[in-house]
Amino acid sequence: MTARAVLVPLLAQPGDAGAPLLPSKKTGTALATRGLGYLVAKYAAFARVKNLTPHDLRHRFGYQMAARTPLHRLTQIMGHDFLDTTMFYIEGAACNLQNEAEKIAWD
């Protein structure tokens, strides 16, 4: 089962606009940073992925979105106050693009 297969039906359900995206099972309030880190580590271990953090997932998301999303929209999605902060992802995506182009040139 893929993450998409789980998330699409979940996101299609109407919810309370003020409800946290990731509620705590114990309190129903927003999941704390430490709790999210615990869940990521738990499922990363299950998938045999070492040293994965929520921050790693955020960065991967940013890089993936940078390849197909205008800078001003990515800045909003990532919650950055300044375009310069988001440029980190754009520069990383451009670096990956150059590597991919070099692979094609040598094949």
N, C-alpha and C. Protein backbone atom coordinates (compact mmCIF):
# COMPACT_ATOMS: atom_id res chain seq x y z
N MET A 1 0.85 -1.18 0.00
CA MET A 1 0.00 0.00 0.00
C MET A 1 0.89 1.24 0.00
N THR A 2 0.51 2.20 -0.79
CA THR A 2 1.28 3.44 -0.89
C THR A 2 0.71 4.50 0.05
N ALA A 3 1.52 5.53 0.29
CA ALA A 3 1.04 6.66 1.11
C ALA A 3 -0.14 7.33 0.42
N ARG A 4 -0.08 7.42 -0.91
CA ARG A 4 -1.17 8.04 -1.66
C ARG A 4 -2.47 7.28 -1.45
N ALA A 5 -2.40 5.95 -1.46
CA ALA A 5 -3.60 5.13 -1.29
C ALA A 5 -4.25 5.37 0.07
N VAL A 6 -3.44 5.68 1.06
CA VAL A 6 -3.97 5.96 2.40
C VAL A 6 -4.47 7.39 2.50
N LEU A 7 -3.71 8.33 1.95
CA LEU A 7 -4.02 9.75 2.15
C LEU A 7 -5.18 10.28 1.32
N VAL A 8 -5.33 9.82 0.09
CA VAL A 8 -6.39 10.37 -0.78
C VAL A 8 -7.77 10.20 -0.15
N PRO A 9 -8.16 9.00 0.29
CA PRO A 9 -9.49 8.88 0.92
C PRO A 9 -9.59 9.69 2.22
N LEU A 10 -8.49 9.75 2.96
CA LEU A 10 -8.49 10.51 4.22
C LEU A 10 -8.72 11.99 3.96
N LEU A 11 -8.04 12.53 2.96
CA LEU A 11 -8.16 13.96 2.66
C LEU A 11 -9.49 14.30 2.00
N ALA A 12 -10.16 13.32 1.43
CA ALA A 12 -11.46 13.55 0.79
C ALA A 12 -12.57 13.71 1.81
N GLN A 13 -12.33 13.26 3.05
CA GLN A 13 -13.35 13.36 4.09
C GLN A 13 -13.42 14.80 4.60
N PRO A 14 -14.62 15.33 4.73
CA PRO A 14 -14.72 16.69 5.28
C PRO A 14 -14.30 16.68 6.75
N GLY A 15 -13.64 17.73 7.13
CA GLY A 15 -13.19 17.82 8.51
C GLY A 15 -13.40 19.22 9.05
N ASP A 16 -13.15 19.38 10.32
CA ASP A 16 -13.26 20.68 10.98
C ASP A 16 -12.07 21.53 10.55
N ALA A 17 -12.33 22.71 10.04
CA ALA A 17 -11.26 23.59 9.55
C ALA A 17 -10.27 23.94 10.65
N GLY A 18 -10.69 23.95 11.88
CA GLY A 18 -9.80 24.30 12.98
C GLY A 18 -9.11 23.11 13.61
N ALA A 19 -9.42 21.91 13.15
CA ALA A 19 -8.84 20.70 13.74
C ALA A 19 -7.39 20.54 13.30
N PRO A 20 -6.55 19.99 14.19
CA PRO A 20 -5.15 19.77 13.80
C PRO A 20 -5.04 18.71 12.71
N LEU A 21 -4.06 18.87 11.85
CA LEU A 21 -3.83 17.91 10.77
C LEU A 21 -3.44 16.55 11.35
N LEU A 22 -2.59 16.57 12.37
CA LEU A 22 -2.14 15.35 13.02
C LEU A 22 -2.50 15.40 14.51
N PRO A 23 -3.69 14.95 14.86
CA PRO A 23 -4.10 15.02 16.27
C PRO A 23 -3.45 13.92 17.10
N SER A 24 -3.20 14.23 18.35
CA SER A 24 -2.69 13.26 19.31
C SER A 24 -3.81 12.31 19.68
N LYS A 25 -3.51 11.02 19.77
CA LYS A 25 -4.54 10.06 20.18
C LYS A 25 -4.95 10.28 21.63
N LYS A 26 -4.00 10.73 22.46
CA LYS A 26 -4.28 10.91 23.88
C LYS A 26 -5.11 12.15 24.17
N THR A 27 -4.75 13.27 23.54
CA THR A 27 -5.38 14.54 23.90
C THR A 27 -6.31 15.10 22.83
N GLY A 28 -6.15 14.67 21.59
CA GLY A 28 -6.95 15.22 20.50
C GLY A 28 -6.42 16.55 20.00
N THR A 29 -5.44 17.11 20.70
CA THR A 29 -4.82 18.36 20.25
C THR A 29 -3.73 18.02 19.23
N ALA A 30 -3.10 19.05 18.70
CA ALA A 30 -2.06 18.84 17.69
C ALA A 30 -0.93 17.97 18.25
N LEU A 31 -0.47 17.06 17.43
CA LEU A 31 0.64 16.18 17.80
C LEU A 31 1.88 17.04 18.03
N ALA A 32 2.56 16.81 19.13
CA ALA A 32 3.77 17.57 19.44
C ALA A 32 4.91 17.15 18.52
N THR A 33 5.89 18.01 18.39
CA THR A 33 7.05 17.74 17.55
C THR A 33 7.71 16.42 17.94
N ARG A 34 7.84 16.20 19.22
CA ARG A 34 8.46 14.96 19.71
C ARG A 34 7.63 13.74 19.31
N GLY A 35 6.31 13.86 19.37
CA GLY A 35 5.43 12.76 18.98
C GLY A 35 5.54 12.44 17.50
N LEU A 36 5.63 13.48 16.68
CA LEU A 36 5.79 13.27 15.24
C LEU A 36 7.13 12.60 14.97
N GLY A 37 8.17 13.04 15.66
CA GLY A 37 9.49 12.43 15.50
C GLY A 37 9.47 10.96 15.87
N TYR A 38 8.74 10.63 16.93
CA TYR A 38 8.60 9.24 17.36
C TYR A 38 7.93 8.41 16.27
N LEU A 39 6.84 8.93 15.70
CA LEU A 39 6.12 8.18 14.66
C LEU A 39 6.97 7.98 13.40
N VAL A 40 7.67 9.03 12.99
CA VAL A 40 8.53 8.91 11.81
C VAL A 40 9.62 7.87 12.07
N ALA A 41 10.25 7.92 13.24
CA ALA A 41 11.30 6.95 13.57
C ALA A 41 10.74 5.53 13.62
N LYS A 42 9.56 5.38 14.18
CA LYS A 42 8.92 4.06 14.28
C LYS A 42 8.69 3.45 12.90
N TYR A 43 8.08 4.23 12.01
CA TYR A 43 7.77 3.69 10.68
C TYR A 43 9.01 3.62 9.79
N ALA A 44 9.99 4.47 10.03
CA ALA A 44 11.25 4.37 9.29
C ALA A 44 11.96 3.08 9.67
N ALA A 45 11.95 2.74 10.95
CA ALA A 45 12.56 1.48 11.39
C ALA A 45 11.83 0.29 10.77
N PHE A 46 10.52 0.37 10.73
CA PHE A 46 9.71 -0.69 10.12
C PHE A 46 10.07 -0.87 8.64
N ALA A 47 10.34 0.25 7.97
CA ALA A 47 10.70 0.22 6.54
C ALA A 47 12.21 0.03 6.33
N ARG A 48 12.94 -0.13 7.43
CA ARG A 48 14.39 -0.31 7.39
C ARG A 48 15.11 0.89 6.76
N VAL A 49 14.64 2.08 7.12
CA VAL A 49 15.28 3.32 6.69
C VAL A 49 15.94 3.92 7.92
N LYS A 50 17.24 4.17 7.84
CA LYS A 50 17.98 4.67 9.00
C LYS A 50 18.01 6.19 9.03
N ASN A 51 17.99 6.72 10.24
CA ASN A 51 18.18 8.15 10.49
C ASN A 51 17.24 9.07 9.71
N LEU A 52 15.97 8.75 9.69
CA LEU A 52 14.98 9.59 9.01
C LEU A 52 14.27 10.45 10.06
N THR A 53 14.13 11.73 9.77
CA THR A 53 13.47 12.65 10.69
C THR A 53 12.34 13.39 9.96
N PRO A 54 11.43 14.01 10.71
CA PRO A 54 10.41 14.83 10.05
C PRO A 54 11.03 15.94 9.20
N HIS A 55 12.15 16.47 9.65
CA HIS A 55 12.83 17.53 8.89
C HIS A 55 13.32 16.99 7.54
N ASP A 56 13.81 15.76 7.52
CA ASP A 56 14.23 15.13 6.25
C ASP A 56 13.04 15.04 5.30
N LEU A 57 11.89 14.66 5.82
CA LEU A 57 10.70 14.55 4.99
C LEU A 57 10.28 15.91 4.44
N ARG A 58 10.39 16.94 5.28
CA ARG A 58 10.06 18.30 4.84
C ARG A 58 10.99 18.74 3.70
N HIS A 59 12.28 18.47 3.87
CA HIS A 59 13.23 18.84 2.82
C HIS A 59 12.96 18.09 1.52
N ARG A 60 12.68 16.82 1.62
CA ARG A 60 12.39 16.02 0.42
C ARG A 60 11.15 16.57 -0.29
N PHE A 61 10.14 16.91 0.49
CA PHE A 61 8.94 17.51 -0.07
C PHE A 61 9.28 18.81 -0.79
N GLY A 62 10.09 19.65 -0.15
CA GLY A 62 10.47 20.93 -0.75
C GLY A 62 11.21 20.75 -2.07
N TYR A 63 12.14 19.81 -2.10
CA TYR A 63 12.89 19.55 -3.34
C TYR A 63 11.97 19.04 -4.45
N GLN A 64 11.08 18.13 -4.10
CA GLN A 64 10.17 17.58 -5.10
C GLN A 64 9.23 18.65 -5.65
N MET A 65 8.71 19.48 -4.77
CA MET A 65 7.79 20.53 -5.19
C MET A 65 8.50 21.63 -5.98
N ALA A 66 9.77 21.88 -5.67
CA ALA A 66 10.53 22.92 -6.36
C ALA A 66 10.66 22.64 -7.85
N ALA A 67 10.61 21.38 -8.21
CA ALA A 67 10.77 21.01 -9.62
C ALA A 67 9.53 21.35 -10.44
N ARG A 68 8.38 21.57 -9.77
CA ARG A 68 7.14 21.77 -10.54
C ARG A 68 6.21 22.85 -10.00
N THR A 69 6.68 23.64 -9.06
CA THR A 69 5.83 24.65 -8.44
C THR A 69 6.49 26.02 -8.53
N PRO A 70 5.78 27.06 -8.91
CA PRO A 70 6.36 28.40 -8.94
C PRO A 70 6.87 28.80 -7.54
N LEU A 71 7.94 29.56 -7.54
CA LEU A 71 8.61 29.94 -6.29
C LEU A 71 7.66 30.58 -5.28
N HIS A 72 6.83 31.52 -5.72
CA HIS A 72 5.94 32.21 -4.77
C HIS A 72 4.93 31.24 -4.14
N ARG A 73 4.48 30.25 -4.90
CA ARG A 73 3.53 29.25 -4.35
C ARG A 73 4.25 28.32 -3.38
N LEU A 74 5.47 27.90 -3.75
CA LEU A 74 6.23 27.01 -2.87
C LEU A 74 6.54 27.71 -1.55
N THR A 75 6.82 29.00 -1.61
CA THR A 75 7.07 29.77 -0.39
C THR A 75 5.86 29.71 0.53
N GLN A 76 4.67 29.86 -0.04
CA GLN A 76 3.44 29.79 0.75
C GLN A 76 3.23 28.39 1.31
N ILE A 77 3.40 27.38 0.48
CA ILE A 77 3.17 26.00 0.90
C ILE A 77 4.11 25.61 2.03
N MET A 78 5.38 26.04 1.92
CA MET A 78 6.38 25.68 2.93
C MET A 78 6.26 26.54 4.19
N GLY A 79 5.46 27.61 4.12
CA GLY A 79 5.27 28.46 5.29
C GLY A 79 6.44 29.40 5.54
N HIS A 80 7.20 29.70 4.51
CA HIS A 80 8.33 30.61 4.65
C HIS A 80 7.85 32.06 4.56
N ASP A 81 8.55 32.93 5.28
CA ASP A 81 8.23 34.35 5.23
C ASP A 81 8.91 35.05 4.06
N PHE A 82 10.02 34.49 3.60
CA PHE A 82 10.82 35.14 2.57
C PHE A 82 11.12 34.18 1.42
N LEU A 83 11.13 34.73 0.20
CA LEU A 83 11.47 33.93 -0.98
C LEU A 83 12.88 33.37 -0.88
N ASP A 84 13.79 34.12 -0.24
CA ASP A 84 15.18 33.67 -0.13
C ASP A 84 15.28 32.33 0.60
N THR A 85 14.43 32.12 1.58
CA THR A 85 14.45 30.86 2.32
C THR A 85 14.07 29.71 1.39
N THR A 86 13.12 29.94 0.53
CA THR A 86 12.65 28.91 -0.39
C THR A 86 13.65 28.65 -1.50
N MET A 87 14.49 29.61 -1.81
CA MET A 87 15.48 29.45 -2.87
C MET A 87 16.40 28.26 -2.61
N PHE A 88 16.56 27.89 -1.35
CA PHE A 88 17.36 26.71 -0.99
C PHE A 88 16.88 25.49 -1.76
N TYR A 89 15.58 25.32 -1.85
CA TYR A 89 15.01 24.17 -2.55
C TYR A 89 15.16 24.30 -4.06
N ILE A 90 15.02 25.50 -4.56
CA ILE A 90 15.16 25.74 -6.00
C ILE A 90 16.59 25.45 -6.43
N GLU A 91 17.56 25.93 -5.65
CA GLU A 91 18.96 25.70 -5.98
C GLU A 91 19.29 24.21 -5.92
N GLY A 92 18.74 23.52 -4.94
CA GLY A 92 18.95 22.07 -4.84
C GLY A 92 18.35 21.34 -6.02
N ALA A 93 17.18 21.76 -6.44
CA ALA A 93 16.52 21.13 -7.59
C ALA A 93 17.31 21.40 -8.86
N ALA A 94 17.87 22.59 -9.00
CA ALA A 94 18.67 22.92 -10.18
C ALA A 94 19.95 22.08 -10.21
N CYS A 95 20.54 21.84 -9.05
CA CYS A 95 21.74 21.01 -8.96
C CYS A 95 21.41 19.59 -9.40
N ASN A 96 20.29 19.06 -8.95
CA ASN A 96 19.86 17.72 -9.35
C ASN A 96 19.59 17.67 -10.85
N LEU A 97 19.06 18.74 -11.40
CA LEU A 97 18.76 18.81 -12.83
C LEU A 97 20.06 18.71 -13.64
N GLN A 98 21.08 19.38 -13.18
CA GLN A 98 22.37 19.33 -13.87
C GLN A 98 22.94 17.91 -13.82
N ASN A 99 22.85 17.25 -12.67
CA ASN A 99 23.33 15.87 -12.55
C ASN A 99 22.59 14.94 -13.50
N GLU A 100 21.27 15.11 -13.58
CA GLU A 100 20.47 14.27 -14.47
C GLU A 100 20.84 14.52 -15.93
N ALA A 101 21.07 15.78 -16.29
CA ALA A 101 21.45 16.10 -17.66
C ALA A 101 22.81 15.49 -18.01
N GLU A 102 23.73 15.50 -17.05
CA GLU A 102 25.05 14.90 -17.29
C GLU A 102 24.94 13.39 -17.47
N LYS A 103 24.05 12.75 -16.74
CA LYS A 103 23.85 11.31 -16.92
C LYS A 103 23.38 11.00 -18.33
N ILE A 104 22.45 11.79 -18.83
CA ILE A 104 21.92 11.59 -20.18
C ILE A 104 23.04 11.78 -21.21
N ALA A 105 23.86 12.79 -21.00
CA ALA A 105 24.93 13.10 -21.95
C ALA A 105 25.94 11.96 -22.06
N TRP A 106 26.13 11.20 -20.99
CA TRP A 106 27.13 10.14 -21.00
C TRP A 106 26.55 8.77 -21.35
N ASP A 107 25.28 8.66 -21.48
CA ASP A 107 24.66 7.36 -21.81
C ASP A 107 24.70 7.08 -23.29
